Amino acid sequence: MLTGPYGWGSRRLLARLRTLEGRGLHLLGRVPRWRLLRIMQAARIFVYPSIYEGFGLPPAEAMACGIPTVVSRSSSLPEVVGPAGCTFRPDDADELRRRLAGLLAEPAAARELAERGIERAGRFRWTRAAREMEEIFHGVGG
């Protein structure tokens, strides 16, 4: 399943993806938050092939749901998933295929990645971010 809105420059990509619908790909577009959570909880693997992210909230959410997470090795994503996720070069489809095949062939490795992901996602809490920002502001102001 592929969720999310289609943005600038994605018309050609969407046309290519539609050719895969007959082979099992489901293009859902933007879905309500409650449905997205259910989709994530049912997923075997979460893949986030983004080229640029300021933080990468969707991979953190996937890890919190206990889903083995695979992200492109770009921007902030390797830092977000750390040792709790797999990475691939965003321009290397074969590397992505190998990562996915490996996780599907090795359920124990996928479970371990999911468990590490839950622990890693626990680091990303709004209360912790607010506390750390407050400490920074006090340090600068005072």
N, C-alpha and C. Protein backbone atom coordinates (compact mmCIF):
# COMPACT_ATOMS: atom_id res chain seq x y z
N MET A 1 0.83 -1.17 0.00
CA MET A 1 0.00 0.00 0.00
C MET A 1 0.88 1.23 0.00
N LEU A 2 0.44 2.22 -0.72
CA LEU A 2 1.15 3.48 -0.79
C LEU A 2 0.19 4.57 -0.36
N THR A 3 0.55 5.27 0.71
CA THR A 3 -0.31 6.34 1.20
C THR A 3 0.40 7.67 1.10
N GLY A 4 -0.36 8.72 1.20
CA GLY A 4 0.19 10.07 1.22
C GLY A 4 -0.27 10.86 0.01
N PRO A 5 -0.18 12.17 0.15
CA PRO A 5 -0.63 13.04 -0.95
C PRO A 5 0.38 13.04 -2.09
N TYR A 6 -0.09 13.47 -3.22
CA TYR A 6 0.78 13.59 -4.38
C TYR A 6 1.12 15.07 -4.52
N GLY A 7 2.38 15.35 -4.62
CA GLY A 7 2.81 16.74 -4.62
C GLY A 7 3.40 17.17 -5.94
N TRP A 8 4.09 18.26 -5.86
CA TRP A 8 4.72 18.88 -7.01
C TRP A 8 5.64 17.89 -7.71
N GLY A 9 5.50 17.79 -9.00
CA GLY A 9 6.38 16.95 -9.80
C GLY A 9 6.10 15.46 -9.73
N SER A 10 4.98 15.07 -9.13
CA SER A 10 4.75 13.63 -8.96
C SER A 10 3.81 13.04 -10.01
N ARG A 11 3.38 13.82 -10.95
CA ARG A 11 2.43 13.32 -11.96
C ARG A 11 3.01 12.13 -12.74
N ARG A 12 4.27 12.24 -13.18
CA ARG A 12 4.89 11.13 -13.93
C ARG A 12 5.06 9.91 -13.06
N LEU A 13 5.46 10.13 -11.80
CA LEU A 13 5.63 9.01 -10.88
C LEU A 13 4.29 8.32 -10.63
N LEU A 14 3.25 9.09 -10.45
CA LEU A 14 1.92 8.52 -10.23
C LEU A 14 1.49 7.67 -11.42
N ALA A 15 1.77 8.14 -12.63
CA ALA A 15 1.42 7.37 -13.82
C ALA A 15 2.16 6.03 -13.84
N ARG A 16 3.44 6.05 -13.44
CA ARG A 16 4.21 4.79 -13.39
C ARG A 16 3.66 3.86 -12.31
N LEU A 17 3.31 4.43 -11.16
CA LEU A 17 2.78 3.61 -10.07
C LEU A 17 1.45 2.97 -10.45
N ARG A 18 0.64 3.69 -11.19
CA ARG A 18 -0.67 3.14 -11.58
C ARG A 18 -0.50 1.89 -12.43
N THR A 19 0.61 1.77 -13.15
CA THR A 19 0.83 0.56 -13.95
C THR A 19 1.06 -0.66 -13.07
N LEU A 20 1.37 -0.44 -11.78
CA LEU A 20 1.62 -1.55 -10.86
C LEU A 20 0.39 -1.95 -10.06
N GLU A 21 -0.70 -1.23 -10.22
CA GLU A 21 -1.91 -1.55 -9.45
C GLU A 21 -2.41 -2.96 -9.75
N GLY A 22 -2.30 -3.41 -10.97
CA GLY A 22 -2.73 -4.76 -11.32
C GLY A 22 -1.84 -5.84 -10.74
N ARG A 23 -0.67 -5.44 -10.23
CA ARG A 23 0.28 -6.40 -9.65
C ARG A 23 0.26 -6.36 -8.13
N GLY A 24 -0.76 -5.71 -7.56
CA GLY A 24 -0.90 -5.75 -6.10
C GLY A 24 -0.65 -4.44 -5.38
N LEU A 25 -0.20 -3.43 -6.06
CA LEU A 25 0.02 -2.14 -5.40
C LEU A 25 -1.31 -1.44 -5.21
N HIS A 26 -1.54 -0.91 -4.03
CA HIS A 26 -2.75 -0.15 -3.73
C HIS A 26 -2.36 1.29 -3.47
N LEU A 27 -2.83 2.20 -4.31
CA LEU A 27 -2.55 3.63 -4.16
C LEU A 27 -3.71 4.26 -3.39
N LEU A 28 -3.47 4.61 -2.15
CA LEU A 28 -4.54 5.11 -1.29
C LEU A 28 -4.60 6.63 -1.23
N GLY A 29 -3.53 7.30 -1.62
CA GLY A 29 -3.51 8.76 -1.50
C GLY A 29 -3.53 9.18 -0.04
N ARG A 30 -4.08 10.35 0.22
CA ARG A 30 -4.16 10.84 1.60
C ARG A 30 -5.28 10.08 2.32
N VAL A 31 -4.99 9.60 3.51
CA VAL A 31 -5.99 8.87 4.29
C VAL A 31 -6.13 9.55 5.65
N PRO A 32 -7.29 9.41 6.30
CA PRO A 32 -7.45 9.98 7.64
C PRO A 32 -6.46 9.37 8.62
N ARG A 33 -6.09 10.13 9.62
CA ARG A 33 -5.09 9.71 10.60
C ARG A 33 -5.43 8.35 11.22
N TRP A 34 -6.68 8.13 11.60
CA TRP A 34 -7.07 6.87 12.25
C TRP A 34 -6.83 5.69 11.31
N ARG A 35 -7.10 5.89 10.02
CA ARG A 35 -6.91 4.80 9.05
C ARG A 35 -5.42 4.56 8.81
N LEU A 36 -4.65 5.64 8.76
CA LEU A 36 -3.20 5.50 8.57
C LEU A 36 -2.59 4.68 9.69
N LEU A 37 -3.02 4.93 10.91
CA LEU A 37 -2.51 4.17 12.05
C LEU A 37 -2.83 2.68 11.89
N ARG A 38 -4.02 2.37 11.46
CA ARG A 38 -4.40 0.96 11.28
C ARG A 38 -3.59 0.31 10.14
N ILE A 39 -3.37 1.08 9.08
CA ILE A 39 -2.56 0.57 7.96
C ILE A 39 -1.15 0.29 8.44
N MET A 40 -0.59 1.22 9.20
CA MET A 40 0.78 1.03 9.70
C MET A 40 0.87 -0.18 10.61
N GLN A 41 -0.11 -0.35 11.49
CA GLN A 41 -0.08 -1.47 12.43
C GLN A 41 -0.19 -2.82 11.71
N ALA A 42 -0.79 -2.85 10.53
CA ALA A 42 -0.95 -4.08 9.78
C ALA A 42 0.22 -4.36 8.83
N ALA A 43 1.11 -3.40 8.67
CA ALA A 43 2.20 -3.53 7.70
C ALA A 43 3.27 -4.53 8.17
N ARG A 44 3.87 -5.19 7.22
CA ARG A 44 5.00 -6.08 7.53
C ARG A 44 6.30 -5.30 7.55
N ILE A 45 6.41 -4.30 6.66
CA ILE A 45 7.60 -3.45 6.57
C ILE A 45 7.13 -2.05 6.19
N PHE A 46 7.77 -1.05 6.75
CA PHE A 46 7.50 0.34 6.40
C PHE A 46 8.69 0.84 5.58
N VAL A 47 8.42 1.36 4.39
CA VAL A 47 9.49 1.87 3.52
C VAL A 47 9.26 3.36 3.29
N TYR A 48 10.31 4.14 3.49
CA TYR A 48 10.22 5.59 3.34
C TYR A 48 11.37 6.05 2.44
N PRO A 49 11.12 6.10 1.12
CA PRO A 49 12.20 6.42 0.17
C PRO A 49 12.37 7.91 -0.10
N SER A 50 12.20 8.73 0.92
CA SER A 50 12.28 10.18 0.75
C SER A 50 13.71 10.62 0.44
N ILE A 51 13.81 11.66 -0.36
CA ILE A 51 15.13 12.23 -0.68
C ILE A 51 15.50 13.32 0.30
N TYR A 52 14.50 14.05 0.80
CA TYR A 52 14.80 15.10 1.77
C TYR A 52 13.72 15.16 2.84
N GLU A 53 14.14 15.20 4.08
CA GLU A 53 13.24 15.33 5.22
C GLU A 53 13.89 16.23 6.25
N GLY A 54 13.08 17.09 6.84
CA GLY A 54 13.58 17.91 7.94
C GLY A 54 13.79 17.07 9.19
N PHE A 55 12.86 16.17 9.47
CA PHE A 55 13.01 15.26 10.60
C PHE A 55 12.70 13.82 10.20
N GLY A 56 11.57 13.55 9.67
CA GLY A 56 11.20 12.18 9.31
C GLY A 56 10.22 11.59 10.31
N LEU A 57 9.14 12.28 10.57
CA LEU A 57 8.13 11.81 11.52
C LEU A 57 7.50 10.47 11.11
N PRO A 58 7.15 10.23 9.84
CA PRO A 58 6.55 8.94 9.50
C PRO A 58 7.41 7.72 9.88
N PRO A 59 8.73 7.72 9.67
CA PRO A 59 9.51 6.57 10.14
C PRO A 59 9.48 6.42 11.66
N ALA A 60 9.50 7.53 12.39
CA ALA A 60 9.42 7.44 13.85
C ALA A 60 8.08 6.85 14.27
N GLU A 61 7.01 7.24 13.59
CA GLU A 61 5.69 6.69 13.89
C GLU A 61 5.63 5.20 13.56
N ALA A 62 6.22 4.81 12.45
CA ALA A 62 6.24 3.39 12.08
C ALA A 62 7.00 2.57 13.11
N MET A 63 8.13 3.08 13.56
CA MET A 63 8.89 2.36 14.58
C MET A 63 8.08 2.24 15.86
N ALA A 64 7.36 3.30 16.23
CA ALA A 64 6.52 3.26 17.43
C ALA A 64 5.42 2.21 17.30
N CYS A 65 4.99 1.92 16.09
CA CYS A 65 3.97 0.89 15.84
C CYS A 65 4.58 -0.51 15.80
N GLY A 66 5.90 -0.62 15.91
CA GLY A 66 6.55 -1.92 15.90
C GLY A 66 6.72 -2.51 14.52
N ILE A 67 6.92 -1.64 13.52
CA ILE A 67 7.09 -2.09 12.15
C ILE A 67 8.56 -1.98 11.76
N PRO A 68 9.17 -3.04 11.23
CA PRO A 68 10.53 -2.91 10.71
C PRO A 68 10.55 -1.76 9.69
N THR A 69 11.51 -0.87 9.82
CA THR A 69 11.51 0.37 9.05
C THR A 69 12.74 0.47 8.17
N VAL A 70 12.50 0.79 6.89
CA VAL A 70 13.56 0.92 5.89
C VAL A 70 13.44 2.32 5.30
N VAL A 71 14.52 3.09 5.38
CA VAL A 71 14.50 4.47 4.90
C VAL A 71 15.67 4.73 3.97
N SER A 72 15.51 5.76 3.13
CA SER A 72 16.62 6.13 2.26
C SER A 72 17.72 6.76 3.10
N ARG A 73 18.94 6.55 2.68
CA ARG A 73 20.12 7.05 3.35
C ARG A 73 20.36 8.48 2.90
N SER A 74 19.48 9.37 3.33
CA SER A 74 19.60 10.76 2.94
C SER A 74 18.99 11.64 4.02
N SER A 75 19.41 12.87 4.02
CA SER A 75 18.85 13.87 4.91
C SER A 75 18.94 13.40 6.36
N SER A 76 17.89 13.60 7.12
CA SER A 76 17.88 13.26 8.55
C SER A 76 17.49 11.81 8.82
N LEU A 77 17.08 11.08 7.81
CA LEU A 77 16.48 9.76 8.03
C LEU A 77 17.40 8.74 8.71
N PRO A 78 18.67 8.63 8.31
CA PRO A 78 19.53 7.67 9.02
C PRO A 78 19.67 8.02 10.51
N GLU A 79 19.68 9.29 10.82
CA GLU A 79 19.78 9.72 12.22
C GLU A 79 18.49 9.38 12.98
N VAL A 80 17.36 9.54 12.33
CA VAL A 80 16.08 9.23 12.99
C VAL A 80 16.00 7.75 13.32
N VAL A 81 16.26 6.87 12.37
CA VAL A 81 16.11 5.44 12.64
C VAL A 81 17.30 4.85 13.38
N GLY A 82 18.47 5.43 13.22
CA GLY A 82 19.66 4.92 13.89
C GLY A 82 19.83 3.43 13.65
N PRO A 83 20.28 2.70 14.67
CA PRO A 83 20.48 1.26 14.51
C PRO A 83 19.17 0.46 14.55
N ALA A 84 18.04 1.16 14.63
CA ALA A 84 16.75 0.48 14.69
C ALA A 84 16.07 0.40 13.33
N GLY A 85 16.77 0.80 12.27
CA GLY A 85 16.20 0.74 10.94
C GLY A 85 17.25 0.35 9.91
N CYS A 86 16.79 0.01 8.74
CA CYS A 86 17.67 -0.29 7.60
C CYS A 86 17.67 0.92 6.69
N THR A 87 18.78 1.15 6.02
CA THR A 87 18.86 2.25 5.07
C THR A 87 19.29 1.74 3.70
N PHE A 88 19.01 2.55 2.69
CA PHE A 88 19.44 2.25 1.33
C PHE A 88 19.70 3.57 0.61
N ARG A 89 20.55 3.52 -0.40
CA ARG A 89 20.79 4.73 -1.21
C ARG A 89 19.53 5.02 -2.02
N PRO A 90 19.04 6.26 -1.99
CA PRO A 90 17.77 6.56 -2.66
C PRO A 90 17.79 6.36 -4.17
N ASP A 91 18.97 6.27 -4.76
CA ASP A 91 19.05 6.07 -6.21
C ASP A 91 19.39 4.62 -6.57
N ASP A 92 19.24 3.71 -5.61
CA ASP A 92 19.63 2.32 -5.84
C ASP A 92 18.47 1.37 -5.54
N ALA A 93 17.65 1.10 -6.54
CA ALA A 93 16.49 0.22 -6.39
C ALA A 93 16.91 -1.19 -6.01
N ASP A 94 18.06 -1.65 -6.51
CA ASP A 94 18.52 -3.00 -6.18
C ASP A 94 18.85 -3.12 -4.69
N GLU A 95 19.45 -2.08 -4.14
CA GLU A 95 19.76 -2.12 -2.71
C GLU A 95 18.46 -2.17 -1.90
N LEU A 96 17.48 -1.39 -2.28
CA LEU A 96 16.18 -1.43 -1.60
C LEU A 96 15.57 -2.83 -1.71
N ARG A 97 15.59 -3.40 -2.90
CA ARG A 97 15.06 -4.74 -3.10
C ARG A 97 15.75 -5.75 -2.18
N ARG A 98 17.08 -5.66 -2.07
CA ARG A 98 17.83 -6.58 -1.21
C ARG A 98 17.43 -6.41 0.26
N ARG A 99 17.28 -5.18 0.70
CA ARG A 99 16.88 -4.92 2.09
C ARG A 99 15.50 -5.53 2.37
N LEU A 100 14.55 -5.30 1.47
CA LEU A 100 13.20 -5.83 1.65
C LEU A 100 13.20 -7.35 1.62
N ALA A 101 13.89 -7.93 0.64
CA ALA A 101 13.95 -9.39 0.53
C ALA A 101 14.58 -9.99 1.79
N GLY A 102 15.62 -9.35 2.30
CA GLY A 102 16.28 -9.84 3.51
C GLY A 102 15.34 -9.85 4.70
N LEU A 103 14.59 -8.79 4.88
CA LEU A 103 13.65 -8.73 6.01
C LEU A 103 12.51 -9.73 5.86
N LEU A 104 12.04 -9.92 4.63
CA LEU A 104 10.96 -10.89 4.41
C LEU A 104 11.45 -12.32 4.59
N ALA A 105 12.71 -12.59 4.23
CA ALA A 105 13.26 -13.94 4.34
C ALA A 105 13.72 -14.28 5.76
N GLU A 106 13.96 -13.26 6.57
CA GLU A 106 14.48 -13.45 7.93
C GLU A 106 13.51 -12.86 8.95
N PRO A 107 12.43 -13.55 9.27
CA PRO A 107 11.46 -13.00 10.22
C PRO A 107 12.07 -12.63 11.58
N ALA A 108 13.06 -13.39 12.03
CA ALA A 108 13.68 -13.07 13.32
C ALA A 108 14.40 -11.73 13.25
N ALA A 109 15.08 -11.46 12.16
CA ALA A 109 15.76 -10.17 11.98
C ALA A 109 14.74 -9.03 11.91
N ALA A 110 13.63 -9.27 11.23
CA ALA A 110 12.58 -8.25 11.13
C ALA A 110 12.00 -7.97 12.51
N ARG A 111 11.77 -9.03 13.32
CA ARG A 111 11.24 -8.85 14.68
C ARG A 111 12.22 -8.06 15.54
N GLU A 112 13.50 -8.38 15.42
CA GLU A 112 14.51 -7.66 16.20
C GLU A 112 14.54 -6.19 15.82
N LEU A 113 14.47 -5.91 14.53
CA LEU A 113 14.45 -4.53 14.05
C LEU A 113 13.21 -3.81 14.59
N ALA A 114 12.07 -4.48 14.58
CA ALA A 114 10.84 -3.89 15.10
C ALA A 114 10.97 -3.58 16.59
N GLU A 115 11.55 -4.48 17.35
CA GLU A 115 11.73 -4.26 18.80
C GLU A 115 12.66 -3.08 19.06
N ARG A 116 13.76 -3.02 18.30
CA ARG A 116 14.67 -1.87 18.46
C ARG A 116 13.98 -0.58 18.06
N GLY A 117 13.09 -0.67 17.06
CA GLY A 117 12.36 0.51 16.60
C GLY A 117 11.44 1.07 17.67
N ILE A 118 10.75 0.19 18.38
CA ILE A 118 9.87 0.64 19.46
C ILE A 118 10.68 1.39 20.51
N GLU A 119 11.82 0.82 20.88
CA GLU A 119 12.68 1.48 21.87
C GLU A 119 13.20 2.82 21.33
N ARG A 120 13.63 2.84 20.10
CA ARG A 120 14.17 4.07 19.49
C ARG A 120 13.09 5.15 19.41
N ALA A 121 11.89 4.77 19.01
CA ALA A 121 10.80 5.74 18.88
C ALA A 121 10.47 6.39 20.21
N GLY A 122 10.72 5.69 21.30
CA GLY A 122 10.47 6.25 22.63
C GLY A 122 11.31 7.49 22.92
N ARG A 123 12.37 7.69 22.17
CA ARG A 123 13.21 8.88 22.34
C ARG A 123 12.54 10.13 21.80
N PHE A 124 11.57 9.96 20.91
CA PHE A 124 10.95 11.10 20.23
C PHE A 124 9.60 11.41 20.87
N ARG A 125 9.66 12.14 21.96
CA ARG A 125 8.45 12.55 22.68
C ARG A 125 8.41 14.08 22.70
N TRP A 126 7.20 14.61 22.54
CA TRP A 126 7.05 16.07 22.55
C TRP A 126 7.49 16.66 23.88
N THR A 127 7.21 15.98 24.97
CA THR A 127 7.60 16.51 26.28
C THR A 127 9.12 16.59 26.40
N ARG A 128 9.80 15.61 25.88
CA ARG A 128 11.27 15.63 25.91
C ARG A 128 11.81 16.76 25.03
N ALA A 129 11.24 16.91 23.83
CA ALA A 129 11.69 17.98 22.93
C ALA A 129 11.47 19.34 23.58
N ALA A 130 10.32 19.52 24.22
CA ALA A 130 10.02 20.81 24.87
C ALA A 130 11.00 21.07 26.01
N ARG A 131 11.29 20.05 26.81
CA ARG A 131 12.24 20.20 27.92
C ARG A 131 13.64 20.57 27.40
N GLU A 132 14.07 19.89 26.33
CA GLU A 132 15.40 20.18 25.78
C GLU A 132 15.46 21.59 25.19
N MET A 133 14.39 22.01 24.53
CA MET A 133 14.36 23.38 23.99
C MET A 133 14.38 24.41 25.11
N GLU A 134 13.66 24.14 26.19
CA GLU A 134 13.65 25.04 27.34
C GLU A 134 15.06 25.19 27.92
N GLU A 135 15.78 24.07 28.02
CA GLU A 135 17.15 24.11 28.53
C GLU A 135 18.04 24.95 27.61
N ILE A 136 17.85 24.82 26.31
CA ILE A 136 18.63 25.62 25.36
C ILE A 136 18.32 27.10 25.53
N PHE A 137 17.04 27.43 25.61
CA PHE A 137 16.65 28.84 25.76
C PHE A 137 17.19 29.43 27.05
N HIS A 138 17.15 28.68 28.15
CA HIS A 138 17.69 29.18 29.41
C HIS A 138 19.20 29.37 29.31
N GLY A 139 19.86 28.46 28.61
CA GLY A 139 21.31 28.58 28.44
C GLY A 139 21.71 29.79 27.62
N VAL A 140 20.93 30.11 26.61
CA VAL A 140 21.23 31.27 25.75
C VAL A 140 20.88 32.57 26.46
N GLY A 141 19.78 32.57 27.19
CA GLY A 141 19.30 33.80 27.81
C GLY A 141 19.97 34.12 29.12
N GLY A 142 20.69 33.19 29.65
CA GLY A 142 21.10 33.50 30.90
C GLY A 142 22.23 33.37 31.67
